[in-house]
Amino acid sequence: MTLDDLRVKIDSIDDTLLKLYNERMELVHQVGEVKNTTGAPIYRPEREQAILNRLKSQNDGKLTDSAIDALFLEMFAVARNLELPEGVAYLGPEASFTHQAAESKFGAMSAYLPMASIQGIFREVDKGTVKFGVIPIENSSNGIVSDTINCLDQYNLKIIAEVMIDVHFAFATLSEDYKKITKVYSKDIAFGQCRNFLQDLGMDDAELVPVESTAKAAKLAAKDASAAALCPSIAAKLYNLPIRFNNVEDNTSNKTRFFVISNFENAPSGEDKTSLLVRLPDKPGSLVEFLNDFEDAHINLTKIKSHIVEGQSIFFIEFNGHQNDEKIQQILTVHQESIKVLGSYVKETDDV
C-alpha cells in the first residue's frame, strides 16, 4: 500500500470519527436535557471513570491506558462544555502544577479561573462563580497542605475527585553564567525539594526568593538576567525562559495530590475513597475508641493525619469505600457529632 493509499484510508476514518463524535454529542445533549429537569450535575466523575475502565479492559490495539485517558477525558470535557460551560478555579497563575492537574481532569476547552490563594478557590466555588475548584492536598516530600485542610473545615463543599501528578522542576534562567545569578525564585517548598541541586550548582550565595507559585517564579526570572527560577518546564516555555536543567528535584518520584471540589456528592462507583475531618471529645481513649469501630467493621483506614485548626486538634482521615456503604453509615451515625464527611470519590491512588 502506498503512502497516498494510507492517507486516503486515514482521511476516511477521520470522516467517520467526526460523524460518530457528533452522534455522541447529540446523545449527551439529550442526557443533559434529562439532567436539567432533575437538577442532577453534568459532571459525574464516577460515570467517566467507569467508561474509561470499560474501554481499557477491552483495548487490544496500540493505544496505551494513558492515551485512552487523554483522548476520552478531552472528549468528556468538550461534551460538558457544549452542554453547560462551567468554570474551574485553580491555584494560579497559568502553567502552575495545579493548572496542569486541572487540565488533566477538565481538558483544554474548559473556562479556567486562576486564583492567588486556596481560600480564594473555595470562596468562588462556594459563591457559585465557578462550578469546580482544584486545590493541592499533599505532596510526597512536604506532606499535607495546611491551607487546604483549614478551608475544608471552613466551607461546606465536597471533594468529588482526586488527581495525582508527577512534580518535576526545571532550573531556568536567561543567564549562561551561573556565577552571575544573584537570586532564585520559586514557591517556598520547592527550595527544600531541590536543595541538593542548588548546592551542587553553587547557589549557596544566591538569595532564595519565595513567591506565590512556581509559574510566577518563571515570569519574574524571565525579566531579570541575574535571576533563575525553579519551575515547571511548561511555565518556563510559556515565558520564553531558557531551561538549563530538567528534573532537578531531590526526589525523582516527587508527586502532588490534588482535590476537585464542588457543591454536589458522587454516587458510588464501586471503587471509592472517602475523606473525613474528625473532632474527637477531649477525653482519654477517644481516638482508640473511634479507630476500633473502623477495625471492627473491617474498614481499612488509608490515612490518619493530625492537624491544628484554631488551636484545636483535628484528624484528616481517609478510607477505601463510599460514605453510603451500609457498614460505613453505621459508624458515621454513631460518631455524627465528631465527623465531617468531606466527600466520597473515585479512588485514583492509594497514597502519594
Protein backbone atom coordinates (compact mmCIF):
# COMPACT_ATOMS: atom_id res chain seq x y z
CA MET A 1 0.00 0.00 0.00
CA THR A 2 1.39 3.38 -0.99
CA LEU A 3 1.68 6.45 1.24
CA ASP A 4 -1.19 8.09 -0.66
CA ASP A 5 -3.35 4.98 -0.14
CA LEU A 6 -2.65 5.08 3.59
CA ARG A 7 -3.55 8.77 3.78
CA VAL A 8 -6.81 8.16 1.95
CA LYS A 9 -7.74 5.46 4.49
CA ILE A 10 -6.82 7.76 7.40
CA ASP A 11 -8.94 10.56 5.91
CA SER A 12 -11.87 8.17 5.60
CA ILE A 13 -11.51 7.12 9.24
CA ASP A 14 -11.35 10.77 10.31
CA ASP A 15 -14.60 11.46 8.43
CA THR A 16 -16.23 8.55 10.25
CA LEU A 17 -14.89 9.72 13.60
CA LEU A 18 -16.36 13.19 13.05
CA LYS A 19 -19.79 11.70 12.38
CA LEU A 20 -19.53 9.48 15.46
CA TYR A 21 -18.35 12.38 17.66
CA ASN A 22 -21.35 14.44 16.58
CA GLU A 23 -23.67 11.50 17.15
CA ARG A 24 -22.25 11.07 20.66
CA MET A 25 -22.63 14.81 21.38
CA GLU A 26 -26.27 14.65 20.34
CA LEU A 27 -26.89 11.81 22.80
CA VAL A 28 -25.01 13.72 25.51
CA HIS A 29 -27.27 16.70 24.79
CA GLN A 30 -30.32 14.51 25.35
CA VAL A 31 -28.84 13.26 28.63
CA GLY A 32 -28.22 16.88 29.63
CA GLU A 33 -31.84 17.79 28.99
CA VAL A 34 -32.96 14.97 31.28
CA LYS A 35 -30.50 16.04 33.96
CA ASN A 36 -31.66 19.64 33.76
CA THR A 37 -35.18 18.55 34.66
CA THR A 38 -33.91 16.71 37.75
CA GLY A 39 -31.18 19.13 38.82
CA ALA A 40 -28.51 16.41 38.58
CA PRO A 41 -24.93 17.61 37.94
CA ILE A 42 -23.48 17.38 34.44
CA TYR A 43 -20.09 16.20 35.68
CA ARG A 44 -20.17 12.67 37.09
CA PRO A 45 -16.60 11.52 37.82
CA GLU A 46 -17.71 8.01 38.75
CA ARG A 47 -19.50 7.62 35.41
CA GLU A 48 -16.47 8.85 33.46
CA GLN A 49 -14.17 6.50 35.35
CA ALA A 50 -16.49 3.56 34.63
CA ILE A 51 -16.33 4.37 30.90
CA LEU A 52 -12.53 4.59 30.96
CA ASN A 53 -12.21 1.31 32.85
CA ARG A 54 -14.52 -0.45 30.38
CA LEU A 55 -12.60 0.86 27.36
CA LYS A 56 -9.21 -0.09 28.79
CA SER A 57 -10.41 -3.60 29.63
CA GLN A 58 -11.37 -4.29 26.00
CA ASN A 59 -8.48 -2.44 24.35
CA ASP A 60 -6.29 -4.68 22.18
CA GLY A 61 -4.68 -2.04 19.96
CA LYS A 62 -1.71 0.32 20.10
CA LEU A 63 -3.35 2.83 22.43
CA THR A 64 -1.92 2.80 25.95
CA ASP A 65 -4.06 3.34 29.05
CA SER A 66 -2.71 6.88 29.40
CA ALA A 67 -3.51 7.58 25.74
CA ILE A 68 -7.09 6.40 26.27
CA ASP A 69 -7.36 8.68 29.29
CA ALA A 70 -6.05 11.64 27.30
CA LEU A 71 -8.36 11.12 24.33
CA PHE A 72 -11.56 10.40 26.19
CA LEU A 73 -11.12 12.86 29.07
CA GLU A 74 -10.77 15.63 26.48
CA MET A 75 -13.90 14.39 24.73
CA PHE A 76 -15.77 14.33 28.05
CA ALA A 77 -14.66 17.93 28.67
CA VAL A 78 -15.85 19.02 25.21
CA ALA A 79 -19.23 17.40 25.84
CA ARG A 80 -19.64 19.08 29.23
CA ASN A 81 -18.75 22.49 27.87
CA LEU A 82 -21.15 22.16 24.95
CA GLU A 83 -23.94 21.43 27.39
CA LEU A 84 -23.18 23.78 30.25
CA PRO A 85 -19.95 25.80 30.27
CA GLU A 86 -18.79 25.74 33.89
CA GLY A 87 -15.69 27.45 35.20
CA VAL A 88 -12.82 25.80 37.03
CA ALA A 89 -10.85 27.77 39.62
CA TYR A 90 -7.29 26.71 40.36
CA LEU A 91 -4.23 27.92 42.24
CA GLY A 92 -2.61 30.09 39.58
CA PRO A 93 -1.11 31.52 37.62
CA GLU A 94 -1.28 29.75 34.27
CA ALA A 95 1.13 26.80 33.92
CA SER A 96 1.28 26.09 37.66
CA PHE A 97 1.20 22.48 38.79
CA THR A 98 -2.41 22.99 39.93
CA HIS A 99 -3.28 24.25 36.45
CA GLN A 100 -1.78 21.08 34.98
CA ALA A 101 -3.82 18.98 37.41
CA ALA A 102 -6.98 20.88 36.45
CA GLU A 103 -6.42 20.39 32.73
CA SER A 104 -5.81 16.67 33.25
CA LYS A 105 -9.39 16.42 34.55
CA PHE A 106 -11.26 19.11 32.63
CA GLY A 107 -9.39 19.32 29.34
CA ALA A 108 -8.11 22.33 27.41
CA MET A 109 -11.54 23.70 26.46
CA SER A 110 -12.82 24.49 29.95
CA ALA A 111 -13.00 28.05 31.25
CA TYR A 112 -10.25 28.39 33.84
CA LEU A 113 -10.01 30.99 36.59
CA PRO A 114 -6.55 31.35 38.20
CA MET A 115 -6.70 32.33 41.87
CA ALA A 116 -4.00 33.71 44.14
CA SER A 117 -4.91 31.58 47.18
CA ILE A 118 -6.50 28.29 48.16
CA GLN A 119 -9.12 30.14 50.19
CA GLY A 120 -9.98 32.20 47.12
CA ILE A 121 -10.74 28.98 45.23
CA PHE A 122 -13.07 27.76 47.98
CA ARG A 123 -14.74 31.16 48.18
CA GLU A 124 -15.51 31.36 44.44
CA VAL A 125 -16.84 27.78 44.28
CA ASP A 126 -18.96 28.44 47.37
CA LYS A 127 -20.37 31.63 45.81
CA GLY A 128 -21.14 29.84 42.56
CA THR A 129 -18.79 31.97 40.45
CA VAL A 130 -17.36 28.67 39.20
CA LYS A 131 -18.65 25.13 39.49
CA PHE A 132 -15.35 23.44 40.33
CA GLY A 133 -12.13 24.14 42.19
CA VAL A 134 -8.80 22.30 42.04
CA ILE A 135 -6.61 22.51 45.12
CA PRO A 136 -3.44 20.73 46.33
CA ILE A 137 -3.90 18.48 49.36
CA GLU A 138 -0.49 16.82 49.84
CA ASN A 139 2.98 16.38 48.43
CA SER A 140 5.15 13.30 48.81
CA SER A 141 8.04 15.42 50.08
CA ASN A 142 6.23 18.07 52.14
CA GLY A 143 3.10 16.38 53.44
CA ILE A 144 -0.37 17.85 53.96
CA VAL A 145 -1.24 21.37 52.77
CA SER A 146 -2.50 23.19 55.87
CA ASP A 147 -4.47 25.85 53.97
CA THR A 148 -6.50 23.14 52.22
CA ILE A 149 -7.37 21.40 55.49
CA ASN A 150 -8.41 24.72 57.03
CA CYS A 151 -10.69 25.51 54.09
CA LEU A 152 -12.20 22.02 54.01
CA ASP A 153 -13.11 22.63 57.63
CA GLN A 154 -14.48 26.12 57.00
CA TYR A 155 -16.56 25.56 53.84
CA ASN A 156 -19.35 23.06 53.22
CA LEU A 157 -18.11 21.93 49.82
CA LYS A 158 -17.50 18.37 48.71
CA ILE A 159 -14.49 16.55 47.32
CA ILE A 160 -15.69 14.96 44.08
CA ALA A 161 -12.40 13.73 42.58
CA GLU A 162 -8.68 13.38 43.21
CA VAL A 163 -5.80 13.91 40.80
CA MET A 164 -2.20 12.79 41.16
CA ILE A 165 0.58 14.31 39.07
CA ASP A 166 4.34 13.87 38.98
CA VAL A 167 6.15 17.03 40.10
CA HIS A 168 9.33 17.85 38.22
CA PHE A 169 11.21 21.13 38.48
CA ALA A 170 13.33 22.79 35.84
CA PHE A 171 16.14 25.23 36.57
CA ALA A 172 15.58 28.05 34.08
CA THR A 173 17.42 31.32 33.60
CA LEU A 174 18.41 33.87 30.98
CA SER A 175 21.99 33.74 32.24
CA GLU A 176 24.54 31.37 30.73
CA ASP A 177 26.96 32.16 33.56
CA TYR A 178 25.54 30.66 36.74
CA LYS A 179 28.04 32.62 38.86
CA LYS A 180 26.17 35.79 37.90
CA ILE A 181 22.87 34.55 39.31
CA THR A 182 22.10 36.52 42.47
CA LYS A 183 18.58 35.26 43.20
CA VAL A 184 16.43 32.20 42.58
CA TYR A 185 12.65 32.49 42.51
CA SER A 186 10.24 29.68 43.39
CA LYS A 187 7.49 28.56 45.73
CA ASP A 188 8.86 28.19 49.25
CA ILE A 189 8.51 24.40 49.40
CA ALA A 190 10.32 23.98 46.07
CA PHE A 191 13.59 25.17 47.58
CA GLY A 192 13.52 22.28 50.04
CA GLN A 193 12.67 19.83 47.28
CA CYS A 194 15.65 20.97 45.16
CA ARG A 195 18.18 21.61 47.93
CA ASN A 196 20.82 19.17 46.68
CA PHE A 197 20.78 20.56 43.15
CA LEU A 198 21.16 24.16 44.33
CA GLN A 199 24.13 23.17 46.48
CA ASP A 200 25.74 21.21 43.67
CA LEU A 201 25.34 24.16 41.29
CA GLY A 202 26.98 26.50 43.79
CA MET A 203 23.93 28.61 44.58
CA ASP A 204 24.86 28.98 48.26
CA ASP A 205 25.26 32.75 47.97
CA ALA A 206 22.20 33.32 45.80
CA GLU A 207 19.11 34.74 47.50
CA LEU A 208 16.22 32.27 47.53
CA VAL A 209 13.13 34.38 46.92
CA PRO A 210 9.79 32.69 47.71
CA VAL A 211 6.83 33.73 45.55
CA GLU A 212 3.18 32.65 45.31
CA SER A 213 3.75 29.96 42.69
CA THR A 214 6.42 28.28 40.60
CA ALA A 215 4.79 29.70 37.46
CA LYS A 216 5.17 33.24 38.78
CA ALA A 217 8.81 32.40 39.51
CA ALA A 218 9.35 31.75 35.79
CA LYS A 219 7.61 35.00 34.88
CA LEU A 220 9.85 37.02 37.23
CA ALA A 221 13.08 35.30 36.16
CA ALA A 222 12.24 35.97 32.51
CA LYS A 223 12.60 39.72 33.25
CA ASP A 224 15.94 39.54 35.09
CA ALA A 225 19.19 38.18 33.64
CA SER A 226 20.65 37.85 37.13
CA ALA A 227 17.80 35.61 38.31
CA ALA A 228 16.76 31.99 37.90
CA ALA A 229 13.60 30.02 38.62
CA LEU A 230 12.75 26.57 39.90
CA CYS A 231 9.58 25.97 37.95
CA PRO A 232 7.63 23.54 35.76
CA SER A 233 9.13 23.23 32.30
CA ILE A 234 5.78 24.28 30.81
CA ALA A 235 5.97 27.56 32.75
CA ALA A 236 9.49 28.26 31.52
CA LYS A 237 8.36 27.68 27.93
CA LEU A 238 5.32 29.92 28.44
CA TYR A 239 7.55 32.85 29.40
CA ASN A 240 10.36 32.02 26.92
CA LEU A 241 12.77 31.35 29.76
CA PRO A 242 15.63 29.04 28.71
CA ILE A 243 15.69 25.74 30.58
CA ARG A 244 19.21 24.89 31.66
CA PHE A 245 18.45 21.70 33.62
CA ASN A 246 15.38 19.45 33.86
CA ASN A 247 14.21 17.26 36.75
CA VAL A 248 16.34 18.96 39.42
CA GLU A 249 14.22 17.79 42.37
CA ASP A 250 15.97 15.68 45.02
CA ASN A 251 13.23 13.04 44.97
CA THR A 252 12.71 11.78 41.43
CA SER A 253 9.38 10.20 42.43
CA ASN A 254 8.05 13.51 43.77
CA LYS A 255 4.26 13.67 43.45
CA THR A 256 1.47 16.02 44.44
CA ARG A 257 -2.13 15.00 45.03
CA PHE A 258 -4.99 17.40 44.29
CA PHE A 259 -8.69 17.50 45.12
CA VAL A 260 -11.51 18.65 42.86
CA ILE A 261 -14.21 20.36 44.93
CA SER A 262 -17.79 21.30 44.08
CA ASN A 263 -21.25 21.52 45.63
CA PHE A 264 -22.59 18.01 44.96
CA GLU A 265 -21.90 14.45 46.06
CA ASN A 266 -20.92 11.45 43.95
CA ALA A 267 -22.88 8.25 43.64
CA PRO A 268 -20.93 5.06 44.48
CA SER A 269 -18.66 3.79 41.72
CA GLY A 270 -17.59 0.51 43.30
CA GLU A 271 -14.02 1.72 43.75
CA ASP A 272 -14.24 4.75 46.00
CA LYS A 273 -12.29 6.59 48.64
CA THR A 274 -13.80 8.76 51.39
CA SER A 275 -12.19 11.68 53.25
CA LEU A 276 -13.26 12.90 56.71
CA LEU A 277 -12.38 15.58 59.21
CA VAL A 278 -12.80 14.32 62.76
CA ARG A 279 -13.01 16.28 66.03
CA LEU A 280 -12.97 13.86 68.93
CA PRO A 281 -14.06 14.50 72.52
CA ASP A 282 -11.26 15.69 74.78
CA LYS A 283 -11.10 12.59 76.93
CA PRO A 284 -8.67 9.66 77.33
CA GLY A 285 -9.13 6.85 74.82
CA SER A 286 -11.43 8.74 72.44
CA LEU A 287 -9.16 8.18 69.41
CA VAL A 288 -8.68 4.48 70.18
CA GLU A 289 -12.42 4.00 70.59
CA PHE A 290 -13.07 5.76 67.29
CA LEU A 291 -10.47 3.73 65.38
CA ASN A 292 -11.66 0.46 66.92
CA ASP A 293 -15.09 0.97 65.34
CA PHE A 294 -13.46 1.01 61.90
CA GLU A 295 -11.39 -2.06 62.72
CA ASP A 296 -14.46 -3.95 63.94
CA ALA A 297 -16.24 -3.09 60.68
CA HIS A 298 -13.17 -4.26 58.66
CA ILE A 299 -12.73 -0.82 57.08
CA ASN A 300 -9.16 -0.10 56.05
CA LEU A 301 -8.06 3.41 57.08
CA THR A 302 -5.51 4.53 54.48
CA LYS A 303 -4.57 7.84 56.11
CA ILE A 304 -4.67 9.40 59.57
CA LYS A 305 -3.11 12.86 59.90
CA SER A 306 -3.47 15.19 62.87
CA HIS A 307 -3.84 18.89 62.24
CA ILE A 308 -4.35 22.01 64.34
CA VAL A 309 -7.24 24.32 63.41
CA GLU A 310 -7.76 27.39 65.61
CA GLY A 311 -5.83 25.74 68.42
CA GLN A 312 -7.90 22.55 68.31
CA SER A 313 -6.54 19.18 67.18
CA ILE A 314 -8.49 17.53 64.36
CA PHE A 315 -7.80 14.44 62.26
CA PHE A 316 -7.80 14.12 58.49
CA ILE A 317 -8.83 10.52 57.83
CA GLU A 318 -9.32 8.53 54.65
CA PHE A 319 -10.53 5.01 53.92
CA ASN A 320 -11.49 2.85 50.98
CA GLY A 321 -15.24 2.81 50.43
CA HIS A 322 -18.19 5.14 49.88
CA GLN A 323 -19.97 7.03 52.63
CA ASN A 324 -23.26 5.37 51.60
CA ASP A 325 -21.91 1.86 52.23
CA GLU A 326 -24.01 0.25 54.95
CA LYS A 327 -21.17 -0.55 57.35
CA ILE A 328 -19.76 2.97 56.95
CA GLN A 329 -23.16 4.54 57.54
CA GLN A 330 -23.34 2.77 60.89
CA ILE A 331 -20.05 4.34 62.02
CA LEU A 332 -21.00 7.78 60.70
CA THR A 333 -24.25 7.62 62.64
CA VAL A 334 -22.55 6.64 65.90
CA HIS A 335 -19.96 9.43 65.57
CA GLN A 336 -22.06 12.01 63.74
CA GLU A 337 -21.19 14.74 66.26
CA SER A 338 -17.47 14.26 65.62
CA ILE A 339 -17.32 13.64 61.86
CA LYS A 340 -17.50 15.96 58.88
CA VAL A 341 -17.70 13.95 55.65
CA LEU A 342 -15.65 15.78 53.04
CA GLY A 343 -16.70 13.57 50.16
CA SER A 344 -16.58 10.17 48.50
CA TYR A 345 -14.95 9.95 45.08
CA VAL A 346 -13.37 7.54 42.62
CA LYS A 347 -10.05 6.30 44.01
CA GLU A 348 -7.17 7.10 41.66
CA THR A 349 -4.29 6.29 44.01
CA ASP A 350 -3.58 4.73 47.37
CA ASP A 351 -1.24 7.48 48.57
CA VAL A 352 1.39 9.99 47.42
